Amino acid sequence: MGQALLASGLRCRSVLPLRGEGQGGLHSFAGTLKWDAVLVCRRGGAPPKKSWPAVVTRGALAKAKRQAERFARRLAADQAIGFREPDKLNLYRALIASQARSAPPRAGTMPLLAALTNPPAAGE
């Protein structure tokens, strides 16, 4: 998703959780998602001209984590709506992808794929 956003020239303005599943059904098991992440995008100019990799800054990772935690606290407070840990991780990954930039690797950045596959442990 992050690579596709970069190639499209769209820029993500916001990421919001949206309930995608009702109270029952296929997604009622503990490890499945009930919430989707919706990306709100706008045209942001031309796609990158250089073939640099997709990276995210450490600051963007920290911001994504704070945003996911904030939504999780608000939504998990009501047990009936069912925002769980898998939903939080899905939202966190969407927030990371939304912050990807095409740039040369340097100190303070991380490849997008590494950021998506190695989420911070609880408490980090």
N, C-alpha and C. Protein backbone atom coordinates (compact mmCIF):
# COMPACT_ATOMS: atom_id res chain seq x y z
N MET A 1 0.82 -1.17 0.00
CA MET A 1 0.00 0.00 0.00
C MET A 1 0.87 1.25 0.00
N GLY A 2 1.93 1.26 0.82
CA GLY A 2 2.83 2.41 0.85
C GLY A 2 3.52 2.63 -0.48
N GLN A 3 3.97 1.55 -1.11
CA GLN A 3 4.61 1.64 -2.42
C GLN A 3 3.62 2.18 -3.46
N ALA A 4 2.39 1.71 -3.42
CA ALA A 4 1.38 2.16 -4.37
C ALA A 4 1.07 3.63 -4.18
N LEU A 5 0.99 4.09 -2.95
CA LEU A 5 0.76 5.52 -2.69
C LEU A 5 1.89 6.36 -3.27
N LEU A 6 3.12 5.91 -3.05
CA LEU A 6 4.27 6.65 -3.58
C LEU A 6 4.22 6.73 -5.10
N ALA A 7 3.94 5.62 -5.74
CA ALA A 7 3.92 5.58 -7.20
C ALA A 7 2.78 6.40 -7.79
N SER A 8 1.71 6.55 -7.04
CA SER A 8 0.52 7.25 -7.55
C SER A 8 0.66 8.76 -7.53
N GLY A 9 1.52 9.27 -6.68
CA GLY A 9 1.59 10.71 -6.50
C GLY A 9 0.57 11.23 -5.50
N LEU A 10 -0.23 10.33 -4.92
CA LEU A 10 -1.18 10.73 -3.89
C LEU A 10 -0.45 10.89 -2.56
N ARG A 11 -0.94 11.76 -1.73
CA ARG A 11 -0.38 11.95 -0.40
C ARG A 11 -1.49 11.72 0.62
N CYS A 12 -1.19 10.91 1.60
CA CYS A 12 -2.16 10.58 2.62
C CYS A 12 -2.30 11.75 3.60
N ARG A 13 -3.51 12.18 3.83
CA ARG A 13 -3.79 13.29 4.74
C ARG A 13 -4.25 12.81 6.10
N SER A 14 -4.87 11.63 6.13
CA SER A 14 -5.40 11.13 7.39
C SER A 14 -5.62 9.62 7.28
N VAL A 15 -5.55 8.96 8.41
CA VAL A 15 -5.87 7.53 8.50
C VAL A 15 -6.86 7.38 9.65
N LEU A 16 -7.98 6.72 9.35
CA LEU A 16 -9.04 6.58 10.34
C LEU A 16 -9.48 5.13 10.47
N PRO A 17 -9.76 4.66 11.68
CA PRO A 17 -10.33 3.33 11.82
C PRO A 17 -11.82 3.36 11.49
N LEU A 18 -12.30 2.29 10.87
CA LEU A 18 -13.71 2.19 10.51
C LEU A 18 -14.16 0.76 10.76
N ARG A 19 -15.22 0.61 11.50
CA ARG A 19 -15.74 -0.73 11.81
C ARG A 19 -16.15 -1.41 10.51
N GLY A 20 -15.57 -2.58 10.25
CA GLY A 20 -15.84 -3.28 9.01
C GLY A 20 -16.61 -4.56 9.19
N GLU A 21 -16.90 -4.93 10.43
CA GLU A 21 -17.56 -6.21 10.70
C GLU A 21 -18.54 -6.01 11.84
N GLY A 22 -19.66 -6.66 11.76
CA GLY A 22 -20.67 -6.58 12.81
C GLY A 22 -20.29 -7.38 14.05
N GLN A 23 -21.24 -7.66 14.88
CA GLN A 23 -20.99 -8.36 16.15
C GLN A 23 -20.66 -9.84 15.97
N GLY A 24 -21.09 -10.45 14.90
CA GLY A 24 -20.84 -11.87 14.70
C GLY A 24 -20.13 -12.08 13.38
N GLY A 25 -20.26 -13.29 12.88
CA GLY A 25 -19.70 -13.57 11.57
C GLY A 25 -18.30 -14.13 11.61
N LEU A 26 -17.65 -14.09 10.46
CA LEU A 26 -16.33 -14.70 10.30
C LEU A 26 -15.25 -14.08 11.16
N HIS A 27 -15.40 -12.82 11.53
CA HIS A 27 -14.34 -12.13 12.24
C HIS A 27 -14.55 -12.08 13.75
N SER A 28 -15.23 -13.04 14.31
CA SER A 28 -15.52 -13.05 15.73
C SER A 28 -14.43 -13.71 16.56
N PHE A 29 -13.45 -14.32 15.95
CA PHE A 29 -12.39 -14.99 16.68
C PHE A 29 -11.37 -13.98 17.19
N ALA A 30 -10.65 -14.35 18.25
CA ALA A 30 -9.76 -13.42 18.95
C ALA A 30 -8.68 -12.79 18.06
N GLY A 31 -8.13 -13.50 17.10
CA GLY A 31 -7.03 -12.97 16.31
C GLY A 31 -7.41 -12.30 15.01
N THR A 32 -8.71 -12.13 14.76
CA THR A 32 -9.13 -11.56 13.48
C THR A 32 -9.51 -10.09 13.64
N LEU A 33 -9.46 -9.38 12.52
CA LEU A 33 -9.78 -7.95 12.50
C LEU A 33 -11.27 -7.72 12.40
N LYS A 34 -11.72 -6.70 13.09
CA LYS A 34 -13.10 -6.22 12.94
C LYS A 34 -13.10 -4.81 12.37
N TRP A 35 -11.97 -4.15 12.41
CA TRP A 35 -11.84 -2.76 11.99
C TRP A 35 -10.92 -2.66 10.77
N ASP A 36 -11.29 -1.77 9.86
CA ASP A 36 -10.45 -1.46 8.70
C ASP A 36 -9.76 -0.12 8.95
N ALA A 37 -8.73 0.14 8.19
CA ALA A 37 -8.07 1.45 8.22
C ALA A 37 -8.37 2.14 6.90
N VAL A 38 -8.95 3.31 6.98
CA VAL A 38 -9.32 4.09 5.80
C VAL A 38 -8.29 5.20 5.62
N LEU A 39 -7.71 5.27 4.44
CA LEU A 39 -6.73 6.32 4.14
C LEU A 39 -7.41 7.41 3.32
N VAL A 40 -7.31 8.62 3.78
CA VAL A 40 -7.85 9.78 3.08
C VAL A 40 -6.68 10.43 2.35
N CYS A 41 -6.75 10.45 1.02
CA CYS A 41 -5.62 10.92 0.21
C CYS A 41 -6.03 12.07 -0.69
N ARG A 42 -5.02 12.84 -1.08
CA ARG A 42 -5.19 13.93 -2.05
C ARG A 42 -4.04 13.87 -3.04
N ARG A 43 -4.28 14.49 -4.18
CA ARG A 43 -3.17 14.60 -5.13
C ARG A 43 -2.09 15.43 -4.46
N GLY A 44 -0.87 14.95 -4.60
CA GLY A 44 0.23 15.64 -3.92
C GLY A 44 1.37 15.97 -4.84
N GLY A 45 1.16 15.91 -6.12
CA GLY A 45 2.24 16.17 -7.06
C GLY A 45 2.59 14.93 -7.85
N ALA A 46 3.67 15.03 -8.56
CA ALA A 46 4.10 13.94 -9.42
C ALA A 46 4.70 12.80 -8.60
N PRO A 47 4.61 11.58 -9.10
CA PRO A 47 5.29 10.47 -8.43
C PRO A 47 6.79 10.73 -8.39
N PRO A 48 7.50 10.08 -7.48
CA PRO A 48 8.95 10.31 -7.38
C PRO A 48 9.67 10.00 -8.69
N LYS A 49 10.65 10.82 -9.01
CA LYS A 49 11.41 10.61 -10.25
C LYS A 49 12.57 9.66 -10.04
N LYS A 50 13.13 9.68 -8.86
CA LYS A 50 14.25 8.78 -8.54
C LYS A 50 13.71 7.42 -8.14
N SER A 51 14.53 6.41 -8.29
CA SER A 51 14.11 5.07 -7.89
C SER A 51 14.65 4.75 -6.49
N TRP A 52 14.51 5.69 -5.59
CA TRP A 52 14.90 5.44 -4.20
C TRP A 52 13.90 4.51 -3.54
N PRO A 53 14.34 3.84 -2.51
CA PRO A 53 13.42 2.93 -1.81
C PRO A 53 12.41 3.72 -0.97
N ALA A 54 11.34 3.03 -0.61
CA ALA A 54 10.35 3.60 0.31
C ALA A 54 10.90 3.48 1.72
N VAL A 55 10.96 4.60 2.42
CA VAL A 55 11.46 4.63 3.79
C VAL A 55 10.49 5.40 4.67
N VAL A 56 10.62 5.18 5.96
CA VAL A 56 9.90 5.98 6.95
C VAL A 56 10.91 6.46 7.98
N THR A 57 10.68 7.62 8.52
CA THR A 57 11.59 8.14 9.54
C THR A 57 11.23 7.55 10.90
N ARG A 58 12.18 7.58 11.79
CA ARG A 58 11.92 7.11 13.17
C ARG A 58 10.83 7.99 13.80
N GLY A 59 10.84 9.28 13.47
CA GLY A 59 9.81 10.18 13.97
C GLY A 59 8.43 9.79 13.49
N ALA A 60 8.32 9.37 12.21
CA ALA A 60 7.03 8.93 11.67
C ALA A 60 6.56 7.66 12.36
N LEU A 61 7.50 6.77 12.68
CA LEU A 61 7.13 5.54 13.41
C LEU A 61 6.58 5.87 14.78
N ALA A 62 7.24 6.79 15.47
CA ALA A 62 6.79 7.19 16.80
C ALA A 62 5.41 7.85 16.73
N LYS A 63 5.21 8.69 15.73
CA LYS A 63 3.92 9.36 15.55
C LYS A 63 2.82 8.33 15.26
N ALA A 64 3.11 7.35 14.39
CA ALA A 64 2.14 6.30 14.07
C ALA A 64 1.76 5.52 15.32
N LYS A 65 2.75 5.22 16.14
CA LYS A 65 2.49 4.47 17.36
C LYS A 65 1.60 5.27 18.31
N ARG A 66 1.89 6.56 18.47
CA ARG A 66 1.07 7.40 19.34
C ARG A 66 -0.37 7.49 18.84
N GLN A 67 -0.54 7.66 17.53
CA GLN A 67 -1.89 7.75 16.96
C GLN A 67 -2.66 6.45 17.14
N ALA A 68 -2.01 5.32 16.87
CA ALA A 68 -2.67 4.02 17.03
C ALA A 68 -3.05 3.79 18.49
N GLU A 69 -2.17 4.15 19.40
CA GLU A 69 -2.45 4.00 20.84
C GLU A 69 -3.62 4.88 21.25
N ARG A 70 -3.67 6.10 20.75
CA ARG A 70 -4.74 7.03 21.10
C ARG A 70 -6.10 6.48 20.62
N PHE A 71 -6.15 6.03 19.37
CA PHE A 71 -7.41 5.43 18.87
C PHE A 71 -7.76 4.19 19.68
N ALA A 72 -6.77 3.36 19.98
CA ALA A 72 -7.03 2.12 20.72
C ALA A 72 -7.60 2.41 22.10
N ARG A 73 -7.05 3.39 22.79
CA ARG A 73 -7.57 3.73 24.12
C ARG A 73 -9.03 4.19 24.04
N ARG A 74 -9.32 5.04 23.07
CA ARG A 74 -10.68 5.55 22.94
C ARG A 74 -11.67 4.46 22.53
N LEU A 75 -11.28 3.64 21.57
CA LEU A 75 -12.21 2.65 21.04
C LEU A 75 -12.31 1.39 21.90
N ALA A 76 -11.24 1.01 22.55
CA ALA A 76 -11.26 -0.20 23.38
C ALA A 76 -12.00 0.04 24.70
N ALA A 77 -12.24 1.28 25.04
CA ALA A 77 -12.94 1.59 26.29
C ALA A 77 -14.36 1.01 26.29
N ASP A 78 -14.94 0.86 25.12
CA ASP A 78 -16.28 0.30 25.00
C ASP A 78 -16.15 -1.12 24.44
N GLN A 79 -16.28 -2.10 25.32
CA GLN A 79 -16.12 -3.51 24.93
C GLN A 79 -17.08 -3.91 23.80
N ALA A 80 -18.22 -3.29 23.72
CA ALA A 80 -19.23 -3.67 22.73
C ALA A 80 -18.78 -3.42 21.30
N ILE A 81 -17.89 -2.44 21.09
CA ILE A 81 -17.49 -2.16 19.71
C ILE A 81 -16.32 -3.02 19.26
N GLY A 82 -15.65 -3.70 20.19
CA GLY A 82 -14.69 -4.73 19.84
C GLY A 82 -13.41 -4.30 19.15
N PHE A 83 -12.82 -3.18 19.55
CA PHE A 83 -11.51 -2.80 18.99
C PHE A 83 -10.45 -3.53 19.80
N ARG A 84 -9.73 -4.46 19.11
CA ARG A 84 -8.79 -5.34 19.82
C ARG A 84 -7.37 -5.14 19.31
N GLU A 85 -6.46 -5.88 19.88
CA GLU A 85 -5.04 -5.76 19.53
C GLU A 85 -4.77 -5.95 18.04
N PRO A 86 -5.37 -6.95 17.36
CA PRO A 86 -5.14 -7.06 15.91
C PRO A 86 -5.60 -5.81 15.14
N ASP A 87 -6.68 -5.18 15.60
CA ASP A 87 -7.17 -3.96 14.96
C ASP A 87 -6.17 -2.82 15.16
N LYS A 88 -5.61 -2.75 16.35
CA LYS A 88 -4.61 -1.71 16.64
C LYS A 88 -3.37 -1.90 15.77
N LEU A 89 -2.92 -3.13 15.63
CA LEU A 89 -1.75 -3.41 14.79
C LEU A 89 -2.04 -3.07 13.32
N ASN A 90 -3.22 -3.40 12.84
CA ASN A 90 -3.61 -3.07 11.47
C ASN A 90 -3.61 -1.55 11.26
N LEU A 91 -4.16 -0.82 12.21
CA LEU A 91 -4.19 0.64 12.12
C LEU A 91 -2.78 1.20 12.16
N TYR A 92 -1.94 0.67 13.04
CA TYR A 92 -0.55 1.11 13.14
C TYR A 92 0.18 0.92 11.81
N ARG A 93 0.00 -0.22 11.19
CA ARG A 93 0.66 -0.48 9.90
C ARG A 93 0.16 0.45 8.81
N ALA A 94 -1.14 0.74 8.79
CA ALA A 94 -1.68 1.68 7.81
C ALA A 94 -1.10 3.08 8.04
N LEU A 95 -0.95 3.47 9.30
CA LEU A 95 -0.36 4.77 9.63
C LEU A 95 1.10 4.83 9.16
N ILE A 96 1.83 3.73 9.32
CA ILE A 96 3.22 3.68 8.85
C ILE A 96 3.25 3.83 7.32
N ALA A 97 2.44 3.04 6.63
CA ALA A 97 2.42 3.09 5.16
C ALA A 97 2.07 4.48 4.67
N SER A 98 1.21 5.17 5.39
CA SER A 98 0.79 6.51 4.98
C SER A 98 1.93 7.52 5.09
N GLN A 99 2.95 7.21 5.86
CA GLN A 99 4.06 8.13 6.07
C GLN A 99 5.29 7.80 5.22
N ALA A 100 5.19 6.78 4.38
CA ALA A 100 6.34 6.37 3.55
C ALA A 100 6.74 7.48 2.59
N ARG A 101 8.02 7.61 2.38
CA ARG A 101 8.58 8.58 1.44
C ARG A 101 9.63 7.87 0.59
N SER A 102 9.80 8.34 -0.61
CA SER A 102 10.85 7.82 -1.49
C SER A 102 12.09 8.66 -1.25
N ALA A 103 13.11 8.05 -0.67
CA ALA A 103 14.32 8.80 -0.32
C ALA A 103 15.50 7.83 -0.19
N PRO A 104 16.70 8.35 -0.31
CA PRO A 104 17.86 7.48 -0.10
C PRO A 104 17.93 7.07 1.38
N PRO A 105 18.33 5.84 1.65
CA PRO A 105 18.47 5.41 3.04
C PRO A 105 19.52 6.26 3.75
N ARG A 106 19.21 6.66 4.95
CA ARG A 106 20.17 7.42 5.76
C ARG A 106 19.83 7.25 7.22
N ALA A 107 20.66 7.79 8.07
CA ALA A 107 20.43 7.69 9.50
C ALA A 107 19.07 8.28 9.83
N GLY A 108 18.35 7.61 10.71
CA GLY A 108 17.05 8.10 11.12
C GLY A 108 15.90 7.60 10.26
N THR A 109 16.20 6.77 9.24
CA THR A 109 15.13 6.19 8.43
C THR A 109 15.19 4.67 8.50
N MET A 110 14.10 4.07 8.10
CA MET A 110 14.01 2.61 8.08
C MET A 110 13.28 2.23 6.79
N PRO A 111 13.71 1.15 6.13
CA PRO A 111 12.95 0.70 4.95
C PRO A 111 11.50 0.42 5.33
N LEU A 112 10.58 0.76 4.47
CA LEU A 112 9.16 0.58 4.74
C LEU A 112 8.83 -0.86 5.10
N LEU A 113 9.34 -1.80 4.33
CA LEU A 113 9.04 -3.21 4.60
C LEU A 113 9.49 -3.61 6.00
N ALA A 114 10.67 -3.18 6.41
CA ALA A 114 11.15 -3.51 7.75
C ALA A 114 10.26 -2.89 8.82
N ALA A 115 9.81 -1.68 8.60
CA ALA A 115 8.94 -1.02 9.57
C ALA A 115 7.60 -1.74 9.69
N LEU A 116 7.10 -2.27 8.58
CA LEU A 116 5.81 -2.96 8.59
C LEU A 116 5.89 -4.36 9.17
N THR A 117 7.01 -5.02 9.01
CA THR A 117 7.13 -6.41 9.47
C THR A 117 7.70 -6.52 10.87
N ASN A 118 8.23 -5.45 11.41
CA ASN A 118 8.81 -5.48 12.75
C ASN A 118 8.16 -4.42 13.63
N PRO A 119 6.88 -4.59 13.97
CA PRO A 119 6.22 -3.60 14.81
C PRO A 119 6.86 -3.58 16.20
N PRO A 120 6.79 -2.45 16.88
CA PRO A 120 7.39 -2.39 18.22
C PRO A 120 6.65 -3.30 19.18
N ALA A 121 7.39 -3.85 20.11
CA ALA A 121 6.78 -4.68 21.13
C ALA A 121 5.96 -3.80 22.07
N ALA A 122 5.04 -4.41 22.78
CA ALA A 122 4.23 -3.65 23.73
C ALA A 122 5.14 -2.96 24.73
N GLY A 123 4.87 -1.70 24.97
CA GLY A 123 5.68 -0.93 25.92
C GLY A 123 6.86 -0.22 25.31
N GLU A 124 7.18 -0.47 24.04
CA GLU A 124 8.31 0.22 23.40
C GLU A 124 7.95 1.64 23.08
